[in-house]
Amino acid sequence: MSTSLPKAVLDSADITAITQLILRERESRDLGRWEQMRGCFWPDSLVRVSWFRGTGADFVTGSIDMARRNILAKHRLAPILVTLAGDRAIATLVAIIDLPVKLQGVEMNLATFSRFLYRVERREDRWGIVGFDAIYMRDELTPAIPGQGISIDPNEVKPFRASYRMLSYYLTTQGYEVDSNLPGEDRPELVEAFNRESYGWAGLKP
């Protein structure tokens, strides 16, 4: 794009490109478009979520395995806020992770409320994802059919963080190891440190 254009126009084009990148990555995840999802990440990217820590490419591989195990999460996304910093940017949004689950033989809906933060970088005139993290807020488990229900011993969920308690519980029942040290609203000091790290990478203040 011609650099003779006004800065506001160039910034608008970058914000649009970054927004579309994130929407493409999330839609690809939900719809199983794995190669398209893989293309959204730079090779040296880092993903840190409840059940996974590693590169974007390995995150795609893990997502394929999760889908094969019939753990089929979908995402409700709020508008995306992009903060530009030259060839780097921070993009944030609120998201609800919807996951149909079966516990004790009962169909349930597990909803995890979170904030996603993406670190993105332009390389060779193309934006790609360098980092993807989730900040957990809370989650809730409700019956898929009204009137149905289950009973969970409080001691079974006691080891898990309040901000992603039921998600951690369910993933553990499926054989996943859950990272208990991720940023969440129940641990504001972790959120503060994470924001300093993320925005500092872009040369910005939280």
C-alpha atoms as a PDB file:
ATOM      1  CA  MET A   1       0.000   0.000   0.000  1.00  0.00           C
ATOM      2  CA  SER A   2       1.297   3.446  -0.898  1.00  0.00           C
ATOM      3  CA  THR A   3       2.856   5.243   2.082  1.00  0.00           C
ATOM      4  CA  SER A   4       1.737   8.551   0.523  1.00  0.00           C
ATOM      5  CA  LEU A   5      -1.716   7.878   1.929  1.00  0.00           C
ATOM      6  CA  PRO A   6      -2.667   9.616   5.191  1.00  0.00           C
ATOM      7  CA  LYS A   7      -1.616   7.815   8.355  1.00  0.00           C
ATOM      8  CA  ALA A   8      -5.227   7.426   9.427  1.00  0.00           C
ATOM      9  CA  VAL A   9      -5.965   5.524   6.222  1.00  0.00           C
ATOM     10  CA  LEU A  10      -2.920   3.269   6.630  1.00  0.00           C
ATOM     11  CA  ASP A  11      -3.793   2.609  10.276  1.00  0.00           C
ATOM     12  CA  SER A  12      -7.359   1.775   9.335  1.00  0.00           C
ATOM     13  CA  ALA A  13      -6.134  -0.743   6.761  1.00  0.00           C
ATOM     14  CA  ASP A  14      -3.853  -2.376   9.353  1.00  0.00           C
ATOM     15  CA  ILE A  15      -6.630  -2.546  11.949  1.00  0.00           C
ATOM     16  CA  THR A  16      -8.936  -4.159   9.400  1.00  0.00           C
ATOM     17  CA  ALA A  17      -6.260  -6.686   8.386  1.00  0.00           C
ATOM     18  CA  ILE A  18      -5.555  -7.623  12.022  1.00  0.00           C
ATOM     19  CA  THR A  19      -9.251  -7.903  12.854  1.00  0.00           C
ATOM     20  CA  GLN A  20      -9.816 -10.198   9.891  1.00  0.00           C
ATOM     21  CA  LEU A  21      -6.763 -12.274  10.861  1.00  0.00           C
ATOM     22  CA  ILE A  22      -8.173 -12.949  14.318  1.00  0.00           C
ATOM     23  CA  LEU A  23     -11.669 -13.675  13.033  1.00  0.00           C
ATOM     24  CA  ARG A  24     -10.174 -16.058  10.461  1.00  0.00           C
ATOM     25  CA  GLU A  25      -8.183 -17.897  13.112  1.00  0.00           C
ATOM     26  CA  ARG A  26     -11.209 -18.321  15.413  1.00  0.00           C
ATOM     27  CA  GLU A  27     -13.629 -19.261  12.633  1.00  0.00           C
ATOM     28  CA  SER A  28     -11.121 -21.772  11.278  1.00  0.00           C
ATOM     29  CA  ARG A  29     -10.880 -23.306  14.756  1.00  0.00           C
ATOM     30  CA  ASP A  30     -14.666 -23.597  15.065  1.00  0.00           C
ATOM     31  CA  LEU A  31     -15.204 -24.974  11.570  1.00  0.00           C
ATOM     32  CA  GLY A  32     -12.223 -27.319  11.421  1.00  0.00           C
ATOM     33  CA  ARG A  33     -10.411 -25.441   8.655  1.00  0.00           C
ATOM     34  CA  TRP A  34      -7.089 -26.512  10.020  1.00  0.00           C
ATOM     35  CA  GLU A  35      -4.660 -25.413   7.305  1.00  0.00           C
ATOM     36  CA  GLN A  36      -6.273 -21.985   7.176  1.00  0.00           C
ATOM     37  CA  MET A  37      -5.937 -21.766  10.956  1.00  0.00           C
ATOM     38  CA  ARG A  38      -2.291 -22.858  10.797  1.00  0.00           C
ATOM     39  CA  GLY A  39      -1.548 -20.096   8.294  1.00  0.00           C
ATOM     40  CA  CYS A  40      -2.617 -17.429  10.788  1.00  0.00           C
ATOM     41  CA  PHE A  41       0.369 -18.105  13.099  1.00  0.00           C
ATOM     42  CA  TRP A  42       4.033 -17.272  12.656  1.00  0.00           C
ATOM     43  CA  PRO A  43       6.342 -20.294  13.207  1.00  0.00           C
ATOM     44  CA  ASP A  44       7.754 -18.848  16.461  1.00  0.00           C
ATOM     45  CA  SER A  45       4.333 -18.089  17.935  1.00  0.00           C
ATOM     46  CA  LEU A  46       3.293 -18.981  21.491  1.00  0.00           C
ATOM     47  CA  VAL A  47      -0.190 -20.075  22.587  1.00  0.00           C
ATOM     48  CA  ARG A  48      -1.106 -20.307  26.286  1.00  0.00           C
ATOM     49  CA  VAL A  49      -4.593 -21.529  27.171  1.00  0.00           C
ATOM     50  CA  SER A  50      -6.063 -23.874  29.782  1.00  0.00           C
ATOM     51  CA  TRP A  51      -5.184 -27.139  28.056  1.00  0.00           C
ATOM     52  CA  PHE A  52      -2.249 -26.148  25.853  1.00  0.00           C
ATOM     53  CA  ARG A  53       1.068 -24.320  25.806  1.00  0.00           C
ATOM     54  CA  GLY A  54       3.241 -24.319  22.683  1.00  0.00           C
ATOM     55  CA  THR A  55       3.537 -22.985  19.149  1.00  0.00           C
ATOM     56  CA  GLY A  56       0.612 -22.022  16.958  1.00  0.00           C
ATOM     57  CA  ALA A  57       1.323 -24.970  14.662  1.00  0.00           C
ATOM     58  CA  ASP A  58       1.219 -27.393  17.584  1.00  0.00           C
ATOM     59  CA  PHE A  59      -1.941 -25.689  18.859  1.00  0.00           C
ATOM     60  CA  VAL A  60      -3.594 -26.542  15.547  1.00  0.00           C
ATOM     61  CA  THR A  61      -2.426 -30.146  15.865  1.00  0.00           C
ATOM     62  CA  GLY A  62      -3.807 -30.276  19.400  1.00  0.00           C
ATOM     63  CA  SER A  63      -7.083 -28.768  18.231  1.00  0.00           C
ATOM     64  CA  ILE A  64      -7.391 -31.460  15.553  1.00  0.00           C
ATOM     65  CA  ASP A  65      -6.888 -34.133  18.198  1.00  0.00           C
ATOM     66  CA  MET A  66      -9.452 -32.463  20.455  1.00  0.00           C
ATOM     67  CA  ALA A  67     -11.999 -32.408  17.632  1.00  0.00           C
ATOM     68  CA  ARG A  68     -11.366 -36.101  16.913  1.00  0.00           C
ATOM     69  CA  ARG A  69     -12.160 -36.787  20.554  1.00  0.00           C
ATOM     70  CA  ASN A  70     -15.488 -35.005  20.042  1.00  0.00           C
ATOM     71  CA  ILE A  71     -14.576 -32.065  22.278  1.00  0.00           C
ATOM     72  CA  LEU A  72     -16.119 -29.438  20.018  1.00  0.00           C
ATOM     73  CA  ALA A  73     -15.850 -25.919  21.378  1.00  0.00           C
ATOM     74  CA  LYS A  74     -17.394 -22.939  19.612  1.00  0.00           C
ATOM     75  CA  HIS A  75     -16.673 -19.281  20.284  1.00  0.00           C
ATOM     76  CA  ARG A  76     -18.871 -16.221  20.702  1.00  0.00           C
ATOM     77  CA  LEU A  77     -16.728 -13.169  20.027  1.00  0.00           C
ATOM     78  CA  ALA A  78     -17.189  -9.539  21.011  1.00  0.00           C
ATOM     79  CA  PRO A  79     -15.782  -6.697  18.872  1.00  0.00           C
ATOM     80  CA  ILE A  80     -11.992  -6.616  18.606  1.00  0.00           C
ATOM     81  CA  LEU A  81      -9.922  -3.690  19.900  1.00  0.00           C
ATOM     82  CA  VAL A  82      -6.621  -3.229  18.054  1.00  0.00           C
ATOM     83  CA  THR A  83      -3.771  -1.072  19.383  1.00  0.00           C
ATOM     84  CA  LEU A  84      -1.080  -0.454  16.786  1.00  0.00           C
ATOM     85  CA  ALA A  85       2.624  -0.033  17.508  1.00  0.00           C
ATOM     86  CA  GLY A  86       4.447   0.107  14.172  1.00  0.00           C
ATOM     87  CA  ASP A  87       4.897  -3.431  12.863  1.00  0.00           C
ATOM     88  CA  ARG A  88       3.501  -4.857  16.083  1.00  0.00           C
ATOM     89  CA  ALA A  89       0.035  -4.670  17.607  1.00  0.00           C
ATOM     90  CA  ILE A  90      -2.082  -5.893  20.494  1.00  0.00           C
ATOM     91  CA  ALA A  91      -5.639  -7.066  19.839  1.00  0.00           C
ATOM     92  CA  THR A  92      -8.091  -7.841  22.645  1.00  0.00           C
ATOM     93  CA  LEU A  93     -11.658  -9.074  22.819  1.00  0.00           C
ATOM     94  CA  VAL A  94     -14.129 -10.696  25.177  1.00  0.00           C
ATOM     95  CA  ALA A  95     -15.122 -14.244  24.230  1.00  0.00           C
ATOM     96  CA  ILE A  96     -17.410 -16.981  25.486  1.00  0.00           C
ATOM     97  CA  ILE A  97     -16.215 -20.528  24.849  1.00  0.00           C
ATOM     98  CA  ASP A  98     -19.237 -22.805  24.427  1.00  0.00           C
ATOM     99  CA  LEU A  99     -18.604 -26.495  24.933  1.00  0.00           C
ATOM    100  CA  PRO A 100     -21.276 -29.225  24.892  1.00  0.00           C
ATOM    101  CA  VAL A 101     -20.277 -31.874  27.439  1.00  0.00           C
ATOM    102  CA  LYS A 102     -21.652 -35.031  28.995  1.00  0.00           C
ATOM    103  CA  LEU A 103     -21.103 -35.570  32.709  1.00  0.00           C
ATOM    104  CA  GLN A 104     -22.596 -38.404  34.725  1.00  0.00           C
ATOM    105  CA  GLY A 105     -24.541 -39.357  31.614  1.00  0.00           C
ATOM    106  CA  VAL A 106     -26.265 -35.970  31.425  1.00  0.00           C
ATOM    107  CA  GLU A 107     -25.847 -33.544  28.503  1.00  0.00           C
ATOM    108  CA  MET A 108     -24.625 -30.162  29.769  1.00  0.00           C
ATOM    109  CA  ASN A 109     -23.489 -26.851  28.332  1.00  0.00           C
ATOM    110  CA  LEU A 110     -20.203 -25.468  29.623  1.00  0.00           C
ATOM    111  CA  ALA A 111     -19.687 -21.744  28.991  1.00  0.00           C
ATOM    112  CA  THR A 112     -16.338 -20.136  29.816  1.00  0.00           C
ATOM    113  CA  PHE A 113     -16.186 -16.332  29.873  1.00  0.00           C
ATOM    114  CA  SER A 114     -12.763 -14.957  29.027  1.00  0.00           C
ATOM    115  CA  ARG A 115     -10.757 -12.175  27.446  1.00  0.00           C
ATOM    116  CA  PHE A 116      -8.471 -13.086  24.568  1.00  0.00           C
ATOM    117  CA  LEU A 117      -5.255 -11.194  23.889  1.00  0.00           C
ATOM    118  CA  TYR A 118      -3.394 -11.579  20.610  1.00  0.00           C
ATOM    119  CA  ARG A 119       0.101 -10.309  19.886  1.00  0.00           C
ATOM    120  CA  VAL A 120       0.459  -9.811  16.147  1.00  0.00           C
ATOM    121  CA  GLU A 121       3.381  -8.763  13.975  1.00  0.00           C
ATOM    122  CA  ARG A 122       3.807  -7.659  10.379  1.00  0.00           C
ATOM    123  CA  ARG A 123       6.514  -9.507   8.484  1.00  0.00           C
ATOM    124  CA  GLU A 124       7.090  -9.033   4.772  1.00  0.00           C
ATOM    125  CA  ASP A 125       3.908  -6.922   4.514  1.00  0.00           C
ATOM    126  CA  ARG A 126       1.698  -9.589   6.122  1.00  0.00           C
ATOM    127  CA  TRP A 127       0.259  -9.675   9.618  1.00  0.00           C
ATOM    128  CA  GLY A 128       0.507 -12.925  11.585  1.00  0.00           C
ATOM    129  CA  ILE A 129      -0.101 -14.065  15.152  1.00  0.00           C
ATOM    130  CA  VAL A 130       2.892 -14.159  17.487  1.00  0.00           C
ATOM    131  CA  GLY A 131       0.968 -14.825  20.691  1.00  0.00           C
ATOM    132  CA  PHE A 132      -2.496 -15.960  21.769  1.00  0.00           C
ATOM    133  CA  ASP A 133      -3.512 -15.969  25.452  1.00  0.00           C
ATOM    134  CA  ALA A 134      -6.707 -16.260  27.455  1.00  0.00           C
ATOM    135  CA  ILE A 135      -7.518 -14.349  30.638  1.00  0.00           C
ATOM    136  CA  TYR A 136     -10.228 -16.305  32.431  1.00  0.00           C
ATOM    137  CA  MET A 137     -13.178 -14.565  34.073  1.00  0.00           C
ATOM    138  CA  ARG A 138     -15.673 -17.232  35.152  1.00  0.00           C
ATOM    139  CA  ASP A 139     -17.490 -20.282  33.838  1.00  0.00           C
ATOM    140  CA  GLU A 140     -20.860 -21.934  34.282  1.00  0.00           C
ATOM    141  CA  LEU A 141     -22.296 -25.395  33.752  1.00  0.00           C
ATOM    142  CA  THR A 142     -25.993 -25.690  32.851  1.00  0.00           C
ATOM    143  CA  PRO A 143     -28.181 -28.603  31.688  1.00  0.00           C
ATOM    144  CA  ALA A 144     -28.837 -28.906  27.965  1.00  0.00           C
ATOM    145  CA  ILE A 145     -32.393 -30.013  28.801  1.00  0.00           C
ATOM    146  CA  PRO A 146     -34.123 -27.916  31.480  1.00  0.00           C
ATOM    147  CA  GLY A 147     -34.929 -29.903  34.578  1.00  0.00           C
ATOM    148  CA  GLN A 148     -31.977 -32.258  34.237  1.00  0.00           C
ATOM    149  CA  GLY A 149     -29.049 -31.932  36.570  1.00  0.00           C
ATOM    150  CA  ILE A 150     -25.991 -33.487  38.154  1.00  0.00           C
ATOM    151  CA  SER A 151     -24.350 -33.335  41.578  1.00  0.00           C
ATOM    152  CA  ILE A 152     -20.614 -32.675  41.881  1.00  0.00           C
ATOM    153  CA  ASP A 153     -18.782 -33.114  45.149  1.00  0.00           C
ATOM    154  CA  PRO A 154     -17.211 -29.719  46.038  1.00  0.00           C
ATOM    155  CA  ASN A 155     -14.016 -31.555  46.976  1.00  0.00           C
ATOM    156  CA  GLU A 156     -13.663 -32.696  43.356  1.00  0.00           C
ATOM    157  CA  VAL A 157     -13.409 -29.117  42.090  1.00  0.00           C
ATOM    158  CA  LYS A 158     -11.577 -27.660  45.093  1.00  0.00           C
ATOM    159  CA  PRO A 159      -8.139 -27.931  43.379  1.00  0.00           C
ATOM    160  CA  PHE A 160      -9.260 -25.784  40.446  1.00  0.00           C
ATOM    161  CA  ARG A 161      -9.133 -22.009  40.050  1.00  0.00           C
ATOM    162  CA  ALA A 162     -12.434 -20.151  40.484  1.00  0.00           C
ATOM    163  CA  SER A 163     -12.069 -18.288  37.185  1.00  0.00           C
ATOM    164  CA  TYR A 164     -12.021 -21.499  35.132  1.00  0.00           C
ATOM    165  CA  ARG A 165     -13.116 -24.104  37.630  1.00  0.00           C
ATOM    166  CA  MET A 166     -15.657 -26.122  35.664  1.00  0.00           C
ATOM    167  CA  LEU A 167     -13.596 -25.971  32.469  1.00  0.00           C
ATOM    168  CA  SER A 168     -10.618 -27.360  34.387  1.00  0.00           C
ATOM    169  CA  TYR A 169     -12.787 -30.042  35.961  1.00  0.00           C
ATOM    170  CA  TYR A 170     -14.189 -31.209  32.639  1.00  0.00           C
ATOM    171  CA  LEU A 171     -10.871 -31.161  30.783  1.00  0.00           C
ATOM    172  CA  THR A 172      -9.298 -33.181  33.591  1.00  0.00           C
ATOM    173  CA  THR A 173     -12.002 -35.831  33.217  1.00  0.00           C
ATOM    174  CA  GLN A 174     -10.976 -36.043  29.560  1.00  0.00           C
ATOM    175  CA  GLY A 175      -7.317 -36.655  30.362  1.00  0.00           C
ATOM    176  CA  TYR A 176      -5.952 -33.135  29.889  1.00  0.00           C
ATOM    177  CA  GLU A 177      -3.492 -31.446  32.229  1.00  0.00           C
ATOM    178  CA  VAL A 178      -4.701 -27.934  32.975  1.00  0.00           C
ATOM    179  CA  ASP A 179      -2.340 -25.047  33.689  1.00  0.00           C
ATOM    180  CA  SER A 180      -3.438 -23.553  37.010  1.00  0.00           C
ATOM    181  CA  ASN A 181      -1.189 -20.482  36.756  1.00  0.00           C
ATOM    182  CA  LEU A 182      -2.836 -18.619  33.895  1.00  0.00           C
ATOM    183  CA  PRO A 183      -4.076 -15.034  34.310  1.00  0.00           C
ATOM    184  CA  GLY A 184      -7.616 -14.843  35.646  1.00  0.00           C
ATOM    185  CA  GLU A 185      -9.853 -12.424  37.484  1.00  0.00           C
ATOM    186  CA  ASP A 186      -9.361 -14.418  40.693  1.00  0.00           C
ATOM    187  CA  ARG A 187      -5.612 -13.667  40.470  1.00  0.00           C
ATOM    188  CA  PRO A 188      -5.328  -9.970  39.519  1.00  0.00           C
ATOM    189  CA  GLU A 189      -1.578  -9.977  40.129  1.00  0.00           C
ATOM    190  CA  LEU A 190      -1.170 -12.520  37.332  1.00  0.00           C
ATOM    191  CA  VAL A 191      -3.309 -10.399  35.022  1.00  0.00           C
ATOM    192  CA  GLU A 192      -1.231  -7.313  35.792  1.00  0.00           C
ATOM    193  CA  ALA A 193       2.046  -9.111  35.133  1.00  0.00           C
ATOM    194  CA  PHE A 194       0.681 -10.650  31.943  1.00  0.00           C
ATOM    195  CA  ASN A 195      -0.494  -7.269  30.636  1.00  0.00           C
ATOM    196  CA  ARG A 196       2.898  -5.702  31.342  1.00  0.00           C
ATOM    197  CA  GLU A 197       4.591  -8.529  29.464  1.00  0.00           C
ATOM    198  CA  SER A 198       2.237  -8.434  26.482  1.00  0.00           C
ATOM    199  CA  TYR A 199       2.003  -4.692  25.973  1.00  0.00           C
ATOM    200  CA  GLY A 200       5.707  -4.284  26.749  1.00  0.00           C
ATOM    201  CA  TRP A 201       6.470  -6.628  23.842  1.00  0.00           C
ATOM    202  CA  ALA A 202       4.834  -4.043  21.574  1.00  0.00           C
ATOM    203  CA  GLY A 203       6.473  -1.109  23.311  1.00  0.00           C
ATOM    204  CA  LEU A 204       3.148  -0.045  24.817  1.00  0.00           C
ATOM    205  CA  LYS A 205       1.791   0.506  28.290  1.00  0.00           C
ATOM    206  CA  PRO A 206      -1.228  -1.567  29.421  1.00  0.00           C
END
